């Protein structure tokens, strides 16, 4: 079997509405533009998670490291169950909000002073 080189593309950003729109458009445009490639559109590991501006009081009080660790489970599940198998089959994998978005989500509403203190503590 002659497989094409697998590739991974991530539609990233904190605005779910914009990333969803781009993801939907790519689902139509990419197969039309590259008919010789197979695509796997694997979705969003954070589907259903509230936007940081909609966090409840309990979520706002979480430390950013705790929030980041909360992100690892859905990321790992998606990578192990959807992304890796599709890449192994030579597909071009397109996903929404995978990877760096976990950091964006975890640190979204940290006050700048808290971010600076955490950063300074990490360096020392």
N, C-alpha and C. Protein backbone atom coordinates (compact mmCIF):
# COMPACT_ATOMS: atom_id res chain seq x y z
N UNK A 1 0.84 -1.18 0.00
CA UNK A 1 0.00 0.00 0.00
C UNK A 1 0.89 1.24 0.00
N UNK A 2 0.66 2.14 -0.92
CA UNK A 2 1.45 3.36 -1.04
C UNK A 2 0.72 4.50 -0.33
N UNK A 3 1.13 4.78 0.91
CA UNK A 3 0.47 5.83 1.68
C UNK A 3 1.14 7.17 1.42
N UNK A 4 0.32 8.20 1.40
CA UNK A 4 0.84 9.57 1.29
C UNK A 4 1.38 9.97 2.66
N UNK A 5 2.24 10.97 2.66
CA UNK A 5 2.80 11.49 3.90
C UNK A 5 1.67 12.05 4.77
N UNK A 6 1.56 11.57 6.02
CA UNK A 6 0.51 12.11 6.90
C UNK A 6 0.84 13.53 7.33
N UNK A 7 -0.19 14.33 7.54
CA UNK A 7 -0.01 15.70 7.98
C UNK A 7 -1.09 16.04 8.99
N UNK A 8 -0.76 16.95 9.89
CA UNK A 8 -1.70 17.39 10.92
C UNK A 8 -1.83 18.90 10.84
N UNK A 9 -3.08 19.38 10.74
CA UNK A 9 -3.37 20.81 10.75
C UNK A 9 -4.36 21.08 11.88
N UNK A 10 -4.08 22.14 12.63
CA UNK A 10 -4.94 22.50 13.75
C UNK A 10 -5.50 23.89 13.52
N UNK A 11 -6.83 24.00 13.61
CA UNK A 11 -7.49 25.29 13.57
C UNK A 11 -7.57 25.74 15.03
N UNK A 12 -6.84 26.80 15.37
CA UNK A 12 -6.64 27.19 16.75
C UNK A 12 -7.21 28.56 17.06
N UNK A 13 -7.52 28.78 18.32
CA UNK A 13 -7.97 30.10 18.78
C UNK A 13 -8.98 29.98 19.89
N UNK A 14 -9.15 31.02 20.63
CA UNK A 14 -10.05 31.00 21.79
C UNK A 14 -11.51 31.20 21.36
N UNK A 15 -11.74 31.74 20.18
CA UNK A 15 -13.11 31.99 19.72
C UNK A 15 -13.65 30.74 19.02
N UNK A 16 -14.46 29.99 19.72
CA UNK A 16 -15.00 28.75 19.17
C UNK A 16 -15.82 29.01 17.91
N UNK A 17 -16.55 30.10 17.87
CA UNK A 17 -17.36 30.41 16.69
C UNK A 17 -16.51 30.54 15.44
N UNK A 18 -15.37 31.22 15.55
CA UNK A 18 -14.50 31.39 14.39
C UNK A 18 -13.79 30.10 14.01
N UNK A 19 -13.29 29.36 15.01
CA UNK A 19 -12.60 28.10 14.68
C UNK A 19 -13.57 27.10 14.09
N UNK A 20 -14.81 27.09 14.56
CA UNK A 20 -15.82 26.17 14.01
C UNK A 20 -16.13 26.51 12.56
N UNK A 21 -16.25 27.79 12.26
CA UNK A 21 -16.54 28.23 10.89
C UNK A 21 -15.40 27.84 9.95
N UNK A 22 -14.17 28.09 10.36
CA UNK A 22 -13.02 27.74 9.53
C UNK A 22 -12.96 26.22 9.34
N UNK A 23 -13.19 25.47 10.40
CA UNK A 23 -13.17 24.01 10.33
C UNK A 23 -14.23 23.51 9.35
N UNK A 24 -15.43 24.05 9.42
CA UNK A 24 -16.51 23.65 8.49
C UNK A 24 -16.15 23.97 7.04
N UNK A 25 -15.58 25.13 6.81
CA UNK A 25 -15.21 25.52 5.45
C UNK A 25 -14.08 24.63 4.91
N UNK A 26 -13.12 24.30 5.76
CA UNK A 26 -12.03 23.43 5.33
C UNK A 26 -12.54 22.04 4.98
N UNK A 27 -13.55 21.60 5.69
CA UNK A 27 -14.14 20.28 5.43
C UNK A 27 -14.68 20.18 4.00
N UNK A 28 -15.11 21.29 3.47
CA UNK A 28 -15.63 21.33 2.10
C UNK A 28 -14.50 21.62 1.11
N UNK A 29 -13.67 22.61 1.41
CA UNK A 29 -12.67 23.08 0.46
C UNK A 29 -11.48 22.15 0.25
N UNK A 30 -10.96 21.58 1.31
CA UNK A 30 -9.75 20.77 1.17
C UNK A 30 -9.93 19.55 0.27
N UNK A 31 -10.98 18.74 0.46
CA UNK A 31 -11.14 17.58 -0.44
C UNK A 31 -11.35 18.00 -1.89
N UNK A 32 -12.01 19.14 -2.11
CA UNK A 32 -12.19 19.62 -3.48
C UNK A 32 -10.85 20.04 -4.09
N UNK A 33 -10.04 20.72 -3.30
CA UNK A 33 -8.76 21.26 -3.79
C UNK A 33 -7.70 20.18 -3.94
N UNK A 34 -7.75 19.15 -3.06
CA UNK A 34 -6.75 18.08 -3.07
C UNK A 34 -7.45 16.72 -3.16
N UNK A 35 -8.02 16.40 -4.31
CA UNK A 35 -8.79 15.16 -4.44
C UNK A 35 -7.95 13.89 -4.32
N UNK A 36 -6.63 14.01 -4.45
CA UNK A 36 -5.76 12.84 -4.34
C UNK A 36 -5.38 12.50 -2.90
N UNK A 37 -5.82 13.30 -1.94
CA UNK A 37 -5.52 13.07 -0.52
C UNK A 37 -6.78 12.65 0.22
N UNK A 38 -6.60 11.91 1.30
CA UNK A 38 -7.72 11.58 2.16
C UNK A 38 -7.61 12.42 3.43
N UNK A 39 -8.74 12.87 3.91
CA UNK A 39 -8.77 13.77 5.06
C UNK A 39 -9.55 13.13 6.21
N UNK A 40 -9.10 13.41 7.41
CA UNK A 40 -9.82 13.01 8.61
C UNK A 40 -10.06 14.28 9.41
N UNK A 41 -11.31 14.67 9.53
CA UNK A 41 -11.69 15.85 10.32
C UNK A 41 -12.15 15.32 11.67
N UNK A 42 -11.29 15.45 12.67
CA UNK A 42 -11.52 14.76 13.93
C UNK A 42 -12.18 15.60 15.01
N UNK A 43 -12.48 16.85 14.74
CA UNK A 43 -13.27 17.64 15.69
C UNK A 43 -12.46 18.39 16.73
N UNK A 44 -13.11 18.60 17.88
CA UNK A 44 -12.63 19.49 18.91
C UNK A 44 -12.60 18.75 20.25
N UNK A 45 -11.43 18.60 20.89
CA UNK A 45 -11.38 17.91 22.18
C UNK A 45 -12.07 18.68 23.30
N UNK A 46 -12.33 19.96 23.09
CA UNK A 46 -12.95 20.78 24.14
C UNK A 46 -14.40 21.14 23.84
N UNK A 47 -15.05 20.35 22.99
CA UNK A 47 -16.45 20.62 22.64
C UNK A 47 -17.30 20.64 23.91
N UNK A 48 -18.09 21.68 24.03
CA UNK A 48 -18.98 21.80 25.19
C UNK A 48 -18.37 22.53 26.38
N UNK A 49 -17.08 22.81 26.33
CA UNK A 49 -16.46 23.54 27.43
C UNK A 49 -16.87 25.00 27.33
N UNK A 50 -17.14 25.66 28.45
CA UNK A 50 -17.57 27.06 28.39
C UNK A 50 -16.42 27.99 28.01
N UNK A 51 -16.77 29.06 27.32
CA UNK A 51 -15.81 30.11 27.01
C UNK A 51 -15.34 30.72 28.33
N UNK A 52 -14.07 31.13 28.44
CA UNK A 52 -13.57 31.71 29.69
C UNK A 52 -14.41 32.86 30.24
N UNK A 53 -15.04 33.64 29.39
CA UNK A 53 -15.87 34.73 29.90
C UNK A 53 -17.15 34.21 30.56
N UNK A 54 -17.47 32.94 30.35
CA UNK A 54 -18.67 32.35 30.93
C UNK A 54 -18.37 31.42 32.10
N UNK A 55 -17.14 31.40 32.56
CA UNK A 55 -16.79 30.53 33.69
C UNK A 55 -17.57 30.91 34.93
N UNK A 56 -17.96 29.90 35.70
CA UNK A 56 -18.60 30.16 36.98
C UNK A 56 -17.52 30.51 38.01
N UNK A 57 -17.95 30.87 39.19
CA UNK A 57 -17.02 31.32 40.24
C UNK A 57 -15.99 30.24 40.58
N UNK A 58 -16.42 29.00 40.67
CA UNK A 58 -15.51 27.89 41.00
C UNK A 58 -14.41 27.75 39.95
N UNK A 59 -14.78 27.83 38.69
CA UNK A 59 -13.79 27.71 37.60
C UNK A 59 -12.82 28.88 37.61
N UNK A 60 -13.33 30.08 37.89
CA UNK A 60 -12.46 31.26 37.90
C UNK A 60 -11.42 31.17 39.01
N UNK A 61 -11.73 30.47 40.11
CA UNK A 61 -10.81 30.37 41.24
C UNK A 61 -9.72 29.33 41.04
N UNK A 62 -9.88 28.47 40.04
CA UNK A 62 -8.88 27.42 39.82
C UNK A 62 -7.54 28.04 39.43
N UNK A 63 -6.49 27.42 39.88
CA UNK A 63 -5.14 27.81 39.48
C UNK A 63 -4.97 27.41 38.01
N UNK A 64 -4.20 28.18 37.27
CA UNK A 64 -4.04 27.90 35.84
C UNK A 64 -3.41 26.53 35.59
N UNK A 65 -2.53 26.08 36.48
CA UNK A 65 -1.93 24.74 36.30
C UNK A 65 -2.98 23.65 36.47
N UNK A 66 -3.91 23.81 37.39
CA UNK A 66 -5.00 22.85 37.57
C UNK A 66 -5.86 22.82 36.32
N UNK A 67 -6.16 23.98 35.79
CA UNK A 67 -6.99 24.06 34.58
C UNK A 67 -6.27 23.41 33.40
N UNK A 68 -4.96 23.63 33.31
CA UNK A 68 -4.18 23.03 32.23
C UNK A 68 -4.19 21.50 32.35
N UNK A 69 -4.04 20.99 33.56
CA UNK A 69 -4.10 19.53 33.76
C UNK A 69 -5.47 18.98 33.38
N UNK A 70 -6.53 19.74 33.64
CA UNK A 70 -7.89 19.33 33.23
C UNK A 70 -7.97 19.15 31.71
N UNK A 71 -7.17 19.90 30.98
CA UNK A 71 -7.20 19.83 29.51
C UNK A 71 -6.50 18.59 28.96
N UNK A 72 -5.56 18.01 29.71
CA UNK A 72 -4.76 16.91 29.17
C UNK A 72 -5.57 15.66 28.87
N UNK A 73 -6.56 15.36 29.67
CA UNK A 73 -7.34 14.13 29.45
C UNK A 73 -8.06 14.13 28.10
N UNK A 74 -8.84 15.17 27.76
CA UNK A 74 -9.47 15.16 26.45
C UNK A 74 -8.47 15.24 25.29
N UNK A 75 -7.35 15.93 25.51
CA UNK A 75 -6.32 15.99 24.46
C UNK A 75 -5.74 14.59 24.21
N UNK A 76 -5.40 13.90 25.27
CA UNK A 76 -4.83 12.56 25.16
C UNK A 76 -5.81 11.60 24.49
N UNK A 77 -7.07 11.64 24.90
CA UNK A 77 -8.09 10.77 24.30
C UNK A 77 -8.21 11.01 22.80
N UNK A 78 -8.25 12.27 22.40
CA UNK A 78 -8.40 12.56 20.98
C UNK A 78 -7.17 12.12 20.20
N UNK A 79 -5.99 12.37 20.74
CA UNK A 79 -4.77 11.99 20.04
C UNK A 79 -4.67 10.48 19.90
N UNK A 80 -4.94 9.76 21.00
CA UNK A 80 -4.81 8.29 20.97
C UNK A 80 -5.89 7.61 20.13
N UNK A 81 -7.10 8.11 20.20
CA UNK A 81 -8.22 7.41 19.55
C UNK A 81 -8.53 7.90 18.15
N UNK A 82 -8.18 9.15 17.82
CA UNK A 82 -8.57 9.69 16.52
C UNK A 82 -7.38 10.17 15.69
N UNK A 83 -6.53 11.00 16.28
CA UNK A 83 -5.45 11.62 15.51
C UNK A 83 -4.40 10.59 15.09
N UNK A 84 -3.84 9.86 16.03
CA UNK A 84 -2.77 8.89 15.72
C UNK A 84 -3.21 7.83 14.71
N UNK A 85 -4.39 7.19 14.90
CA UNK A 85 -4.80 6.20 13.90
C UNK A 85 -4.97 6.79 12.49
N UNK A 86 -5.49 8.01 12.41
CA UNK A 86 -5.67 8.64 11.10
C UNK A 86 -4.31 8.96 10.47
N UNK A 87 -3.36 9.44 11.27
CA UNK A 87 -2.03 9.71 10.74
C UNK A 87 -1.34 8.42 10.29
N UNK A 88 -1.54 7.35 11.06
CA UNK A 88 -0.96 6.05 10.71
C UNK A 88 -1.48 5.55 9.36
N UNK A 89 -2.68 5.95 9.00
CA UNK A 89 -3.27 5.55 7.73
C UNK A 89 -2.91 6.51 6.59
N UNK A 90 -2.10 7.53 6.89
CA UNK A 90 -1.64 8.46 5.86
C UNK A 90 -2.60 9.59 5.54
N UNK A 91 -3.60 9.80 6.39
CA UNK A 91 -4.57 10.88 6.16
C UNK A 91 -3.97 12.24 6.49
N UNK A 92 -4.54 13.25 5.91
CA UNK A 92 -4.30 14.62 6.36
C UNK A 92 -5.34 14.84 7.47
N UNK A 93 -4.87 15.08 8.67
CA UNK A 93 -5.77 15.22 9.82
C UNK A 93 -5.98 16.71 10.10
N UNK A 94 -7.24 17.09 10.20
CA UNK A 94 -7.60 18.47 10.52
C UNK A 94 -8.41 18.42 11.81
N UNK A 95 -7.95 19.15 12.80
CA UNK A 95 -8.64 19.17 14.07
C UNK A 95 -8.82 20.61 14.53
N UNK A 96 -9.66 20.76 15.48
CA UNK A 96 -9.99 22.07 16.01
C UNK A 96 -9.49 22.17 17.44
N UNK A 97 -8.73 23.20 17.74
CA UNK A 97 -8.33 23.53 19.11
C UNK A 97 -7.54 22.43 19.80
N UNK A 98 -6.55 21.90 19.14
CA UNK A 98 -5.73 20.83 19.71
C UNK A 98 -4.36 21.40 20.09
N UNK A 99 -3.90 21.14 21.28
CA UNK A 99 -2.55 21.54 21.66
C UNK A 99 -2.47 22.87 22.36
N UNK A 100 -1.96 23.88 21.66
CA UNK A 100 -1.73 25.18 22.27
C UNK A 100 -3.00 25.78 22.87
N UNK A 101 -4.15 25.38 22.36
CA UNK A 101 -5.40 25.91 22.90
C UNK A 101 -5.60 25.55 24.37
N UNK A 102 -4.99 24.46 24.81
CA UNK A 102 -5.07 24.10 26.23
C UNK A 102 -4.41 25.17 27.08
N UNK A 103 -3.28 25.70 26.62
CA UNK A 103 -2.59 26.77 27.35
C UNK A 103 -3.42 28.05 27.30
N UNK A 104 -3.96 28.37 26.12
CA UNK A 104 -4.81 29.55 26.02
C UNK A 104 -5.98 29.46 26.98
N UNK A 105 -6.61 28.29 27.03
CA UNK A 105 -7.78 28.09 27.89
C UNK A 105 -7.39 28.21 29.36
N UNK A 106 -6.28 27.56 29.72
CA UNK A 106 -5.87 27.52 31.12
C UNK A 106 -5.52 28.89 31.67
N UNK A 107 -4.96 29.75 30.84
CA UNK A 107 -4.48 31.05 31.33
C UNK A 107 -5.37 32.22 30.89
N UNK A 108 -6.53 31.93 30.36
CA UNK A 108 -7.36 32.96 29.74
C UNK A 108 -7.73 34.11 30.64
N UNK A 109 -8.05 33.85 31.89
CA UNK A 109 -8.55 34.95 32.72
C UNK A 109 -7.67 35.22 33.91
N UNK A 110 -6.40 34.94 33.80
CA UNK A 110 -5.49 35.25 34.89
C UNK A 110 -5.21 36.74 34.91
N UNK A 111 -5.32 37.37 36.06
CA UNK A 111 -4.92 38.78 36.13
C UNK A 111 -3.43 38.90 35.80
N UNK A 112 -3.02 39.99 35.21
CA UNK A 112 -1.64 40.13 34.77
C UNK A 112 -0.65 40.01 35.94
N UNK A 113 -1.02 40.49 37.13
CA UNK A 113 -0.12 40.40 38.28
C UNK A 113 0.10 38.93 38.64
N UNK A 114 -0.96 38.13 38.62
CA UNK A 114 -0.83 36.71 38.96
C UNK A 114 0.03 36.00 37.93
N UNK A 115 -0.15 36.33 36.67
CA UNK A 115 0.66 35.73 35.61
C UNK A 115 2.14 36.07 35.83
N UNK A 116 2.41 37.33 36.17
CA UNK A 116 3.79 37.76 36.39
C UNK A 116 4.41 37.04 37.59
N UNK A 117 3.65 36.90 38.69
CA UNK A 117 4.14 36.21 39.87
C UNK A 117 4.42 34.74 39.57
N UNK A 118 3.51 34.08 38.86
CA UNK A 118 3.72 32.68 38.50
C UNK A 118 4.94 32.53 37.63
N UNK A 119 5.10 33.42 36.67
CA UNK A 119 6.23 33.37 35.75
C UNK A 119 7.54 33.58 36.52
N UNK A 120 7.56 34.55 37.41
CA UNK A 120 8.76 34.84 38.20
C UNK A 120 9.10 33.64 39.09
N UNK A 121 8.07 33.00 39.68
CA UNK A 121 8.30 31.82 40.53
C UNK A 121 8.84 30.65 39.75
N UNK A 122 8.42 30.50 38.52
CA UNK A 122 8.88 29.40 37.69
C UNK A 122 10.34 29.58 37.28
N UNK A 123 10.77 30.83 37.15
CA UNK A 123 12.13 31.11 36.71
C UNK A 123 13.13 30.92 37.84
N UNK A 124 12.73 31.24 39.08
CA UNK A 124 13.66 31.18 40.24
C UNK A 124 13.96 29.77 40.65
